[in-house]
Amino acid sequence: MNQVNLSCNLDLGPNSVWLTVTAAQAARASIAYVQELGDFHCGPDYYTSRENLPSYLIKLCVSGEGMLDYEGQSEAVRPGDIFWIDCRRHQHYRTAPGRDGWRVLWVHLYGESCDAYYQLFLALNDGRNVARLESDVSVRSTLEMLLKLYREGGNTLQDDIQASALLTQLMTDCIRAASAGGGRGSKRIPAYVIDTRSYINLHYAERITLDDLAHSISINKFYLQKLFKRYFGLSPNEYLIHTRLTKAKQLLRTTAQPVSQIAMDVGINNIGHFITLFKRYEGITPSAYRQRWYLSGESELEPPAQEEPR
């Protein structure tokens, strides 16, 4: 493990709160857990510079203004903004020059699930680490509940499990902020992005290409793909695949149609490609899925045996 490099000036007001947590081993082995957290009233000379710390940091700006230098970018952190970083990478954050102070609620967290949430946050936020919240009420409330939990005890596995639920809510709210556009622009999803999704929902059984989608709304296809992924977390093609597989699963569960017919009904004419896609996303073949989930209903039809490609 690399040595943690740290330099800081903790210019903090007397009403600041800083709690260190030792989560139960059972929590550390399986769920997201708190390492430390606080409510800092930072003075003008506050800063932290660090790298190689196995931790993720989520920080909410309550008032004042800070600056985050991370991954080659420098961004202001204003009231209603959050930033989320991987502390193994070099970071430098501080009270913004010329500002008298910066109040932040924050939590260091870690655990197996954290990286997946973090990567999704980045993907939906154009790779940026700072996002603006439509309202900081939910995130602030969650951070305050975490502080309350560990100020009043927080020394049991049950407390760590409760904290993990709060951390999951916190990460989800940050991702929701990212998927709303990262926040410093409009939060509203453009109508043509919604129209694209609606078109796929209606025409998933037909041949659909990105060029077709872009042409139908007179927009550059690469720009459409970027916006669609920003707001929905999937590219148009990924969304089409998910939609087709969802419809296929419904048919596998509720009908006795052959797999080849179901593949065609959802817009995939090559049975081998359909089975490959299905197995990639579900981990099993369509026939195996049907055996697990098939609902015969009153007809008591048995699904016909399927021939899978060898």
C-alpha atoms as a PDB file:
ATOM      1  CA  MET A   1       0.000   0.000   0.000  1.00  0.00           C
ATOM      2  CA  ASN A   2       1.347   3.463  -0.915  1.00  0.00           C
ATOM      3  CA  GLN A   3       2.158   5.922   1.840  1.00  0.00           C
ATOM      4  CA  VAL A   4      -0.542   8.547   2.417  1.00  0.00           C
ATOM      5  CA  ASN A   5       0.791  12.011   1.621  1.00  0.00           C
ATOM      6  CA  LEU A   6      -0.941  14.759   3.589  1.00  0.00           C
ATOM      7  CA  SER A   7      -0.453  18.442   4.249  1.00  0.00           C
ATOM      8  CA  CYS A   8      -3.138  20.707   5.662  1.00  0.00           C
ATOM      9  CA  ASN A   9      -3.973  23.813   7.610  1.00  0.00           C
ATOM     10  CA  LEU A  10      -7.040  23.123   9.753  1.00  0.00           C
ATOM     11  CA  ASP A  11      -8.200  26.692  10.166  1.00  0.00           C
ATOM     12  CA  LEU A  12     -11.464  25.697  11.872  1.00  0.00           C
ATOM     13  CA  GLY A  13     -13.960  27.580  13.997  1.00  0.00           C
ATOM     14  CA  PRO A  14     -14.700  26.402  17.556  1.00  0.00           C
ATOM     15  CA  ASN A  15     -18.159  25.115  16.594  1.00  0.00           C
ATOM     16  CA  SER A  16     -16.721  22.651  14.079  1.00  0.00           C
ATOM     17  CA  VAL A  17     -17.441  18.926  14.540  1.00  0.00           C
ATOM     18  CA  TRP A  18     -15.004  16.160  13.573  1.00  0.00           C
ATOM     19  CA  LEU A  19     -15.800  12.509  14.311  1.00  0.00           C
ATOM     20  CA  THR A  20     -13.627   9.467  13.692  1.00  0.00           C
ATOM     21  CA  VAL A  21     -15.432   6.137  13.289  1.00  0.00           C
ATOM     22  CA  THR A  22     -14.273   2.545  13.687  1.00  0.00           C
ATOM     23  CA  ALA A  23     -16.823   0.456  11.823  1.00  0.00           C
ATOM     24  CA  ALA A  24     -17.386  -3.158  12.831  1.00  0.00           C
ATOM     25  CA  GLN A  25     -15.335  -5.671  10.880  1.00  0.00           C
ATOM     26  CA  ALA A  26     -18.493  -7.313   9.522  1.00  0.00           C
ATOM     27  CA  ALA A  27     -19.550  -3.963   8.065  1.00  0.00           C
ATOM     28  CA  ARG A  28     -16.123  -3.217   6.612  1.00  0.00           C
ATOM     29  CA  ALA A  29     -16.090  -6.574   4.860  1.00  0.00           C
ATOM     30  CA  SER A  30     -19.414  -6.251   3.063  1.00  0.00           C
ATOM     31  CA  ILE A  31     -21.109  -2.837   3.003  1.00  0.00           C
ATOM     32  CA  ALA A  32     -20.393   0.861   2.585  1.00  0.00           C
ATOM     33  CA  TYR A  33     -19.158   2.261   5.889  1.00  0.00           C
ATOM     34  CA  VAL A  34     -18.155   5.578   7.467  1.00  0.00           C
ATOM     35  CA  GLN A  35     -14.498   6.305   8.205  1.00  0.00           C
ATOM     36  CA  GLU A  36     -14.873   9.856   9.519  1.00  0.00           C
ATOM     37  CA  LEU A  37     -17.214  12.783   9.093  1.00  0.00           C
ATOM     38  CA  GLY A  38     -17.750  16.322  10.198  1.00  0.00           C
ATOM     39  CA  ASP A  39     -19.273  19.779  10.055  1.00  0.00           C
ATOM     40  CA  PHE A  40     -16.417  22.201   9.404  1.00  0.00           C
ATOM     41  CA  HIS A  41     -16.613  25.967   9.785  1.00  0.00           C
ATOM     42  CA  CYS A  42     -13.452  26.749   7.849  1.00  0.00           C
ATOM     43  CA  GLY A  43     -11.539  29.997   8.086  1.00  0.00           C
ATOM     44  CA  PRO A  44      -9.884  31.758   5.134  1.00  0.00           C
ATOM     45  CA  ASP A  45      -6.620  29.801   5.526  1.00  0.00           C
ATOM     46  CA  TYR A  46      -8.145  26.306   5.569  1.00  0.00           C
ATOM     47  CA  TYR A  47      -6.792  23.763   3.082  1.00  0.00           C
ATOM     48  CA  THR A  48      -6.097  20.036   2.679  1.00  0.00           C
ATOM     49  CA  SER A  49      -3.713  18.465   0.169  1.00  0.00           C
ATOM     50  CA  ARG A  50      -3.520  14.668   0.048  1.00  0.00           C
ATOM     51  CA  GLU A  51      -3.164  11.461  -1.996  1.00  0.00           C
ATOM     52  CA  ASN A  52      -3.026   7.667  -1.559  1.00  0.00           C
ATOM     53  CA  LEU A  53      -5.800   7.537   1.057  1.00  0.00           C
ATOM     54  CA  PRO A  54      -8.126   4.510   0.541  1.00  0.00           C
ATOM     55  CA  SER A  55     -11.332   6.506   0.892  1.00  0.00           C
ATOM     56  CA  TYR A  56     -14.032   8.389  -0.964  1.00  0.00           C
ATOM     57  CA  LEU A  57     -14.999  11.888   0.177  1.00  0.00           C
ATOM     58  CA  ILE A  58     -18.381  13.566  -0.307  1.00  0.00           C
ATOM     59  CA  LYS A  59     -18.497  17.203   0.769  1.00  0.00           C
ATOM     60  CA  LEU A  60     -21.506  19.548   0.715  1.00  0.00           C
ATOM     61  CA  CYS A  61     -20.968  23.313   0.684  1.00  0.00           C
ATOM     62  CA  VAL A  62     -23.441  24.895   3.110  1.00  0.00           C
ATOM     63  CA  SER A  63     -22.148  28.474   2.918  1.00  0.00           C
ATOM     64  CA  GLY A  64     -19.149  30.465   1.777  1.00  0.00           C
ATOM     65  CA  GLU A  65     -17.083  29.164  -1.109  1.00  0.00           C
ATOM     66  CA  GLY A  66     -14.284  26.656  -1.616  1.00  0.00           C
ATOM     67  CA  MET A  67     -12.050  25.473  -4.429  1.00  0.00           C
ATOM     68  CA  LEU A  68     -11.310  21.897  -5.491  1.00  0.00           C
ATOM     69  CA  ASP A  69      -8.200  21.049  -7.496  1.00  0.00           C
ATOM     70  CA  TYR A  70      -8.515  17.472  -8.747  1.00  0.00           C
ATOM     71  CA  GLU A  71      -7.522  15.476 -11.827  1.00  0.00           C
ATOM     72  CA  GLY A  72      -6.093  18.545 -13.538  1.00  0.00           C
ATOM     73  CA  GLN A  73      -9.177  20.708 -13.040  1.00  0.00           C
ATOM     74  CA  SER A  74      -9.934  23.534 -10.622  1.00  0.00           C
ATOM     75  CA  GLU A  75     -13.584  24.178  -9.731  1.00  0.00           C
ATOM     76  CA  ALA A  76     -15.389  26.517  -7.377  1.00  0.00           C
ATOM     77  CA  VAL A  77     -17.588  24.827  -4.756  1.00  0.00           C
ATOM     78  CA  ARG A  78     -20.484  27.110  -3.861  1.00  0.00           C
ATOM     79  CA  PRO A  79     -23.538  26.760  -1.588  1.00  0.00           C
ATOM     80  CA  GLY A  80     -25.670  23.869  -2.847  1.00  0.00           C
ATOM     81  CA  ASP A  81     -22.719  22.174  -4.565  1.00  0.00           C
ATOM     82  CA  ILE A  82     -21.325  18.786  -3.632  1.00  0.00           C
ATOM     83  CA  PHE A  83     -18.052  17.268  -4.634  1.00  0.00           C
ATOM     84  CA  TRP A  84     -17.215  13.572  -4.629  1.00  0.00           C
ATOM     85  CA  ILE A  85     -13.644  12.377  -5.047  1.00  0.00           C
ATOM     86  CA  ASP A  86     -11.508   9.253  -4.798  1.00  0.00           C
ATOM     87  CA  CYS A  87      -8.896  10.171  -2.194  1.00  0.00           C
ATOM     88  CA  ARG A  88      -6.352   7.764  -3.628  1.00  0.00           C
ATOM     89  CA  ARG A  89      -5.831  10.397  -6.340  1.00  0.00           C
ATOM     90  CA  HIS A  90      -4.116  13.678  -5.558  1.00  0.00           C
ATOM     91  CA  GLN A  91      -6.520  16.309  -4.265  1.00  0.00           C
ATOM     92  CA  HIS A  92      -6.292  19.849  -2.958  1.00  0.00           C
ATOM     93  CA  TYR A  93      -9.284  21.707  -1.581  1.00  0.00           C
ATOM     94  CA  ARG A  94      -9.431  24.974   0.287  1.00  0.00           C
ATOM     95  CA  THR A  95     -11.419  28.043   1.202  1.00  0.00           C
ATOM     96  CA  ALA A  96     -11.685  30.139  -1.938  1.00  0.00           C
ATOM     97  CA  PRO A  97      -9.245  33.087  -2.129  1.00  0.00           C
ATOM     98  CA  GLY A  98     -10.783  36.288  -0.851  1.00  0.00           C
ATOM     99  CA  ARG A  99     -13.490  34.461   1.124  1.00  0.00           C
ATOM    100  CA  ASP A 100     -13.809  34.788   4.884  1.00  0.00           C
ATOM    101  CA  GLY A 101     -15.002  31.237   5.374  1.00  0.00           C
ATOM    102  CA  TRP A 102     -16.418  28.026   4.019  1.00  0.00           C
ATOM    103  CA  ARG A 103     -18.862  25.772   5.868  1.00  0.00           C
ATOM    104  CA  VAL A 104     -18.997  22.147   4.725  1.00  0.00           C
ATOM    105  CA  LEU A 105     -20.707  18.946   5.837  1.00  0.00           C
ATOM    106  CA  TRP A 106     -18.656  15.948   4.797  1.00  0.00           C
ATOM    107  CA  VAL A 107     -18.088  12.216   5.122  1.00  0.00           C
ATOM    108  CA  HIS A 108     -15.229   9.884   4.273  1.00  0.00           C
ATOM    109  CA  LEU A 109     -16.664   6.506   3.235  1.00  0.00           C
ATOM    110  CA  TYR A 110     -15.379   3.226   1.880  1.00  0.00           C
ATOM    111  CA  GLY A 111     -16.516  -0.297   1.024  1.00  0.00           C
ATOM    112  CA  GLU A 112     -16.936  -2.610  -1.943  1.00  0.00           C
ATOM    113  CA  SER A 113     -20.007  -0.912  -3.388  1.00  0.00           C
ATOM    114  CA  CYS A 114     -18.659   2.650  -3.259  1.00  0.00           C
ATOM    115  CA  ASP A 115     -16.602   2.545  -6.441  1.00  0.00           C
ATOM    116  CA  ALA A 116     -19.551   1.405  -8.570  1.00  0.00           C
ATOM    117  CA  TYR A 117     -21.651   4.334  -7.320  1.00  0.00           C
ATOM    118  CA  TYR A 118     -18.726   6.723  -7.789  1.00  0.00           C
ATOM    119  CA  GLN A 119     -18.082   5.631 -11.369  1.00  0.00           C
ATOM    120  CA  LEU A 120     -21.772   6.025 -12.193  1.00  0.00           C
ATOM    121  CA  PHE A 121     -21.700   9.532 -10.698  1.00  0.00           C
ATOM    122  CA  LEU A 122     -18.754  10.467 -12.914  1.00  0.00           C
ATOM    123  CA  ALA A 123     -20.323   8.925 -16.011  1.00  0.00           C
ATOM    124  CA  LEU A 124     -23.520  10.924 -15.530  1.00  0.00           C
ATOM    125  CA  ASN A 125     -21.648  14.129 -14.627  1.00  0.00           C
ATOM    126  CA  ASP A 126     -19.419  14.300 -17.731  1.00  0.00           C
ATOM    127  CA  GLY A 127     -16.426  13.163 -15.687  1.00  0.00           C
ATOM    128  CA  ARG A 128     -16.672  16.134 -13.327  1.00  0.00           C
ATOM    129  CA  ASN A 129     -16.400  15.799  -9.559  1.00  0.00           C
ATOM    130  CA  VAL A 130     -18.540  18.817  -8.648  1.00  0.00           C
ATOM    131  CA  ALA A 131     -22.321  18.817  -9.095  1.00  0.00           C
ATOM    132  CA  ARG A 132     -25.053  21.221  -8.073  1.00  0.00           C
ATOM    133  CA  LEU A 133     -28.090  19.975  -6.181  1.00  0.00           C
ATOM    134  CA  GLU A 134     -31.566  21.148  -7.114  1.00  0.00           C
ATOM    135  CA  SER A 135     -32.116  21.294  -3.375  1.00  0.00           C
ATOM    136  CA  ASP A 136     -29.557  20.418  -0.734  1.00  0.00           C
ATOM    137  CA  VAL A 137     -32.286  19.445   1.755  1.00  0.00           C
ATOM    138  CA  SER A 138     -32.033  15.682   1.253  1.00  0.00           C
ATOM    139  CA  VAL A 139     -28.230  15.502   1.131  1.00  0.00           C
ATOM    140  CA  ARG A 140     -27.855  17.854   4.077  1.00  0.00           C
ATOM    141  CA  SER A 141     -30.420  15.923   6.096  1.00  0.00           C
ATOM    142  CA  THR A 142     -28.622  12.631   5.390  1.00  0.00           C
ATOM    143  CA  LEU A 143     -25.253  14.047   6.443  1.00  0.00           C
ATOM    144  CA  GLU A 144     -26.785  15.499   9.589  1.00  0.00           C
ATOM    145  CA  MET A 145     -28.388  12.141  10.434  1.00  0.00           C
ATOM    146  CA  LEU A 146     -25.006  10.442  10.049  1.00  0.00           C
ATOM    147  CA  LEU A 147     -23.454  12.998  12.384  1.00  0.00           C
ATOM    148  CA  LYS A 148     -26.239  12.501  14.908  1.00  0.00           C
ATOM    149  CA  LEU A 149     -25.892   8.713  14.720  1.00  0.00           C
ATOM    150  CA  TYR A 150     -22.192   8.734  15.519  1.00  0.00           C
ATOM    151  CA  ARG A 151     -22.304  11.595  18.034  1.00  0.00           C
ATOM    152  CA  GLU A 152     -24.822   9.651  20.096  1.00  0.00           C
ATOM    153  CA  GLY A 153     -23.021   6.321  19.996  1.00  0.00           C
ATOM    154  CA  GLY A 154     -22.478   4.605  16.694  1.00  0.00           C
ATOM    155  CA  ASN A 155     -20.379   1.831  18.218  1.00  0.00           C
ATOM    156  CA  THR A 156     -22.443  -1.194  17.204  1.00  0.00           C
ATOM    157  CA  LEU A 157     -22.902  -3.229  14.048  1.00  0.00           C
ATOM    158  CA  GLN A 158     -26.549  -2.130  13.990  1.00  0.00           C
ATOM    159  CA  ASP A 159     -25.394   1.507  13.878  1.00  0.00           C
ATOM    160  CA  ASP A 160     -23.029   0.707  11.012  1.00  0.00           C
ATOM    161  CA  ILE A 161     -25.848  -0.987   9.087  1.00  0.00           C
ATOM    162  CA  GLN A 162     -28.046   2.066   9.580  1.00  0.00           C
ATOM    163  CA  ALA A 163     -25.152   4.283   8.489  1.00  0.00           C
ATOM    164  CA  SER A 164     -24.671   2.154   5.368  1.00  0.00           C
ATOM    165  CA  ALA A 165     -28.302   2.724   4.407  1.00  0.00           C
ATOM    166  CA  LEU A 166     -27.794   6.468   4.837  1.00  0.00           C
ATOM    167  CA  LEU A 167     -24.598   6.357   2.756  1.00  0.00           C
ATOM    168  CA  THR A 168     -26.453   4.552  -0.023  1.00  0.00           C
ATOM    169  CA  GLN A 169     -29.116   7.263   0.055  1.00  0.00           C
ATOM    170  CA  LEU A 170     -26.413   9.934  -0.013  1.00  0.00           C
ATOM    171  CA  MET A 171     -24.652   8.385  -3.012  1.00  0.00           C
ATOM    172  CA  THR A 172     -27.980   7.936  -4.801  1.00  0.00           C
ATOM    173  CA  ASP A 173     -28.873  11.597  -4.285  1.00  0.00           C
ATOM    174  CA  CYS A 174     -25.481  12.672  -5.650  1.00  0.00           C
ATOM    175  CA  ILE A 175     -26.010  10.491  -8.720  1.00  0.00           C
ATOM    176  CA  ARG A 176     -29.499  11.933  -9.143  1.00  0.00           C
ATOM    177  CA  ALA A 177     -27.978  15.421  -9.124  1.00  0.00           C
ATOM    178  CA  ALA A 178     -25.473  14.338 -11.767  1.00  0.00           C
ATOM    179  CA  SER A 179     -28.159  12.790 -13.963  1.00  0.00           C
ATOM    180  CA  ALA A 180     -30.090  16.071 -13.792  1.00  0.00           C
ATOM    181  CA  GLY A 181     -27.305  17.642 -15.787  1.00  0.00           C
ATOM    182  CA  GLY A 182     -24.595  18.317 -13.230  1.00  0.00           C
ATOM    183  CA  GLY A 183     -26.511  21.328 -12.166  1.00  0.00           C
ATOM    184  CA  ARG A 184     -24.964  24.584 -13.246  1.00  0.00           C
ATOM    185  CA  GLY A 185     -27.107  24.600 -16.359  1.00  0.00           C
ATOM    186  CA  SER A 186     -30.750  23.715 -16.826  1.00  0.00           C
ATOM    187  CA  LYS A 187     -32.088  20.756 -14.875  1.00  0.00           C
ATOM    188  CA  ARG A 188     -34.858  20.068 -17.362  1.00  0.00           C
ATOM    189  CA  ILE A 189     -34.391  17.149 -19.735  1.00  0.00           C
ATOM    190  CA  PRO A 190     -34.575  18.504 -23.307  1.00  0.00           C
ATOM    191  CA  ALA A 191     -37.800  17.542 -25.065  1.00  0.00           C
ATOM    192  CA  TYR A 192     -35.956  15.903 -27.961  1.00  0.00           C
ATOM    193  CA  VAL A 193     -34.127  13.596 -25.524  1.00  0.00           C
ATOM    194  CA  ILE A 194     -37.469  12.533 -24.032  1.00  0.00           C
ATOM    195  CA  ASP A 195     -38.881  12.127 -27.549  1.00  0.00           C
ATOM    196  CA  THR A 196     -35.949   9.851 -28.448  1.00  0.00           C
ATOM    197  CA  ARG A 197     -36.662   7.616 -25.481  1.00  0.00           C
ATOM    198  CA  SER A 198     -40.376   7.527 -26.334  1.00  0.00           C
ATOM    199  CA  TYR A 199     -39.575   6.617 -29.938  1.00  0.00           C
ATOM    200  CA  ILE A 200     -37.443   3.676 -28.800  1.00  0.00           C
ATOM    201  CA  ASN A 201     -40.166   2.525 -26.404  1.00  0.00           C
ATOM    202  CA  LEU A 202     -42.698   2.480 -29.249  1.00  0.00           C
ATOM    203  CA  HIS A 203     -40.522   1.146 -32.077  1.00  0.00           C
ATOM    204  CA  TYR A 204     -38.107  -1.212 -30.288  1.00  0.00           C
ATOM    205  CA  ALA A 205     -39.220  -4.116 -32.516  1.00  0.00           C
ATOM    206  CA  GLU A 206     -38.122  -2.242 -35.655  1.00  0.00           C
ATOM    207  CA  ARG A 207     -34.645  -1.567 -37.007  1.00  0.00           C
ATOM    208  CA  ILE A 208     -33.382   1.551 -35.209  1.00  0.00           C
ATOM    209  CA  THR A 209     -29.991   3.211 -35.712  1.00  0.00           C
ATOM    210  CA  LEU A 210     -28.447   6.253 -34.084  1.00  0.00           C
ATOM    211  CA  ASP A 211     -28.450   7.942 -37.481  1.00  0.00           C
ATOM    212  CA  ASP A 212     -32.209   7.355 -37.758  1.00  0.00           C
ATOM    213  CA  LEU A 213     -32.834   8.792 -34.294  1.00  0.00           C
ATOM    214  CA  ALA A 214     -30.682  11.853 -34.908  1.00  0.00           C
ATOM    215  CA  HIS A 215     -32.211  12.476 -38.332  1.00  0.00           C
ATOM    216  CA  SER A 216     -35.746  12.271 -36.932  1.00  0.00           C
ATOM    217  CA  ILE A 217     -35.078  15.202 -34.582  1.00  0.00           C
ATOM    218  CA  SER A 218     -32.520  17.037 -36.777  1.00  0.00           C
ATOM    219  CA  ILE A 219     -29.616  16.886 -34.338  1.00  0.00           C
ATOM    220  CA  ASN A 220     -26.013  15.698 -34.502  1.00  0.00           C
ATOM    221  CA  LYS A 221     -25.929  12.010 -33.587  1.00  0.00           C
ATOM    222  CA  PHE A 222     -22.893  12.300 -31.311  1.00  0.00           C
ATOM    223  CA  TYR A 223     -24.465  15.183 -29.404  1.00  0.00           C
ATOM    224  CA  LEU A 224     -27.709  13.208 -29.056  1.00  0.00           C
ATOM    225  CA  GLN A 225     -25.809  10.197 -27.739  1.00  0.00           C
ATOM    226  CA  LYS A 226     -23.952  12.351 -25.191  1.00  0.00           C
ATOM    227  CA  LEU A 227     -27.137  13.992 -23.904  1.00  0.00           C
ATOM    228  CA  PHE A 228     -29.117  10.747 -23.809  1.00  0.00           C
ATOM    229  CA  LYS A 229     -26.430   9.090 -21.701  1.00  0.00           C
ATOM    230  CA  ARG A 230     -26.159  12.122 -19.419  1.00  0.00           C
ATOM    231  CA  TYR A 231     -29.858  12.090 -18.574  1.00  0.00           C
ATOM    232  CA  PHE A 232     -30.648   8.359 -18.668  1.00  0.00           C
ATOM    233  CA  GLY A 233     -27.322   6.712 -17.855  1.00  0.00           C
ATOM    234  CA  LEU A 234     -27.317   4.614 -21.049  1.00  0.00           C
ATOM    235  CA  SER A 235     -26.539   5.327 -24.676  1.00  0.00           C
ATOM    236  CA  PRO A 236     -29.523   5.095 -27.068  1.00  0.00           C
ATOM    237  CA  ASN A 237     -28.271   1.702 -28.278  1.00  0.00           C
ATOM    238  CA  GLU A 238     -27.838   0.410 -24.728  1.00  0.00           C
ATOM    239  CA  TYR A 239     -31.336   1.632 -23.893  1.00  0.00           C
ATOM    240  CA  LEU A 240     -32.692  -0.143 -26.993  1.00  0.00           C
ATOM    241  CA  ILE A 241     -31.009  -3.397 -25.923  1.00  0.00           C
ATOM    242  CA  HIS A 242     -32.390  -3.100 -22.387  1.00  0.00           C
ATOM    243  CA  THR A 243     -35.873  -2.403 -23.752  1.00  0.00           C
ATOM    244  CA  ARG A 244     -35.765  -5.388 -26.114  1.00  0.00           C
ATOM    245  CA  LEU A 245     -34.487  -7.744 -23.416  1.00  0.00           C
ATOM    246  CA  THR A 246     -37.128  -6.541 -20.951  1.00  0.00           C
ATOM    247  CA  LYS A 247     -39.883  -7.239 -23.503  1.00  0.00           C
ATOM    248  CA  ALA A 248     -38.313 -10.628 -24.289  1.00  0.00           C
ATOM    249  CA  LYS A 249     -38.297 -11.596 -20.607  1.00  0.00           C
ATOM    250  CA  GLN A 250     -41.965 -10.714 -20.346  1.00  0.00           C
ATOM    251  CA  LEU A 251     -42.747 -12.983 -23.314  1.00  0.00           C
ATOM    252  CA  LEU A 252     -40.561 -15.799 -21.976  1.00  0.00           C
ATOM    253  CA  ARG A 253     -42.422 -15.642 -18.667  1.00  0.00           C
ATOM    254  CA  THR A 254     -45.954 -15.405 -19.987  1.00  0.00           C
ATOM    255  CA  THR A 255     -46.078 -17.239 -23.334  1.00  0.00           C
ATOM    256  CA  ALA A 256     -45.040 -20.543 -24.845  1.00  0.00           C
ATOM    257  CA  GLN A 257     -43.687 -18.947 -28.031  1.00  0.00           C
ATOM    258  CA  PRO A 258     -40.406 -20.376 -29.322  1.00  0.00           C
ATOM    259  CA  VAL A 259     -37.301 -18.403 -28.424  1.00  0.00           C
ATOM    260  CA  SER A 260     -36.665 -17.706 -32.113  1.00  0.00           C
ATOM    261  CA  GLN A 261     -40.107 -16.102 -32.461  1.00  0.00           C
ATOM    262  CA  ILE A 262     -39.625 -14.009 -29.323  1.00  0.00           C
ATOM    263  CA  ALA A 263     -36.283 -12.774 -30.648  1.00  0.00           C
ATOM    264  CA  MET A 264     -37.976 -11.607 -33.850  1.00  0.00           C
ATOM    265  CA  ASP A 265     -40.886 -10.057 -31.949  1.00  0.00           C
ATOM    266  CA  VAL A 266     -38.495  -7.787 -30.030  1.00  0.00           C
ATOM    267  CA  GLY A 267     -36.520  -6.770 -33.111  1.00  0.00           C
ATOM    268  CA  ILE A 268     -33.568  -9.188 -33.082  1.00  0.00           C
ATOM    269  CA  ASN A 269     -33.681 -11.363 -36.197  1.00  0.00           C
ATOM    270  CA  ASN A 270     -30.555 -13.414 -35.487  1.00  0.00           C
ATOM    271  CA  ILE A 271     -31.358 -16.047 -32.843  1.00  0.00           C
ATOM    272  CA  GLY A 272     -27.676 -16.610 -32.051  1.00  0.00           C
ATOM    273  CA  HIS A 273     -27.133 -12.894 -31.452  1.00  0.00           C
ATOM    274  CA  PHE A 274     -30.255 -12.758 -29.285  1.00  0.00           C
ATOM    275  CA  ILE A 275     -29.050 -15.645 -27.092  1.00  0.00           C
ATOM    276  CA  THR A 276     -25.574 -14.091 -26.796  1.00  0.00           C
ATOM    277  CA  LEU A 277     -27.043 -10.738 -25.735  1.00  0.00           C
ATOM    278  CA  PHE A 278     -29.450 -12.350 -23.312  1.00  0.00           C
ATOM    279  CA  LYS A 279     -26.730 -14.392 -21.659  1.00  0.00           C
ATOM    280  CA  ARG A 280     -24.421 -11.371 -21.427  1.00  0.00           C
ATOM    281  CA  TYR A 281     -27.006  -9.351 -19.496  1.00  0.00           C
ATOM    282  CA  GLU A 282     -28.815 -12.098 -17.556  1.00  0.00           C
ATOM    283  CA  GLY A 283     -26.037 -14.637 -17.081  1.00  0.00           C
ATOM    284  CA  ILE A 284     -28.212 -17.486 -18.416  1.00  0.00           C
ATOM    285  CA  THR A 285     -29.776 -18.481 -21.749  1.00  0.00           C
ATOM    286  CA  PRO A 286     -33.375 -17.539 -22.646  1.00  0.00           C
ATOM    287  CA  SER A 287     -34.459 -21.175 -22.172  1.00  0.00           C
ATOM    288  CA  ALA A 288     -32.892 -21.339 -18.723  1.00  0.00           C
ATOM    289  CA  TYR A 289     -34.590 -18.051 -17.822  1.00  0.00           C
ATOM    290  CA  ARG A 290     -37.915 -19.456 -18.983  1.00  0.00           C
ATOM    291  CA  GLN A 291     -37.504 -22.570 -16.847  1.00  0.00           C
ATOM    292  CA  ARG A 292     -37.008 -20.354 -13.783  1.00  0.00           C
ATOM    293  CA  TRP A 293     -39.760 -17.853 -14.447  1.00  0.00           C
ATOM    294  CA  TYR A 294     -42.349 -19.340 -16.799  1.00  0.00           C
ATOM    295  CA  LEU A 295     -45.951 -18.748 -15.707  1.00  0.00           C
ATOM    296  CA  SER A 296     -48.249 -21.297 -17.309  1.00  0.00           C
ATOM    297  CA  GLY A 297     -51.451 -19.738 -15.942  1.00  0.00           C
ATOM    298  CA  GLU A 298     -54.781 -21.429 -16.488  1.00  0.00           C
ATOM    299  CA  SER A 299     -53.750 -22.921 -19.829  1.00  0.00           C
ATOM    300  CA  GLU A 300     -51.082 -25.049 -18.139  1.00  0.00           C
ATOM    301  CA  LEU A 301     -49.042 -24.908 -21.340  1.00  0.00           C
ATOM    302  CA  GLU A 302     -45.539 -26.230 -21.027  1.00  0.00           C
ATOM    303  CA  PRO A 303     -42.851 -24.198 -22.768  1.00  0.00           C
ATOM    304  CA  PRO A 304     -41.519 -26.120 -25.774  1.00  0.00           C
ATOM    305  CA  ALA A 305     -37.963 -27.342 -25.679  1.00  0.00           C
ATOM    306  CA  GLN A 306     -35.548 -24.892 -27.281  1.00  0.00           C
ATOM    307  CA  GLU A 307     -32.527 -25.666 -29.366  1.00  0.00           C
ATOM    308  CA  GLU A 308     -29.626 -23.500 -28.305  1.00  0.00           C
ATOM    309  CA  PRO A 309     -26.665 -22.848 -30.637  1.00  0.00           C
ATOM    310  CA  ARG A 310     -23.768 -25.101 -29.918  1.00  0.00           C
END
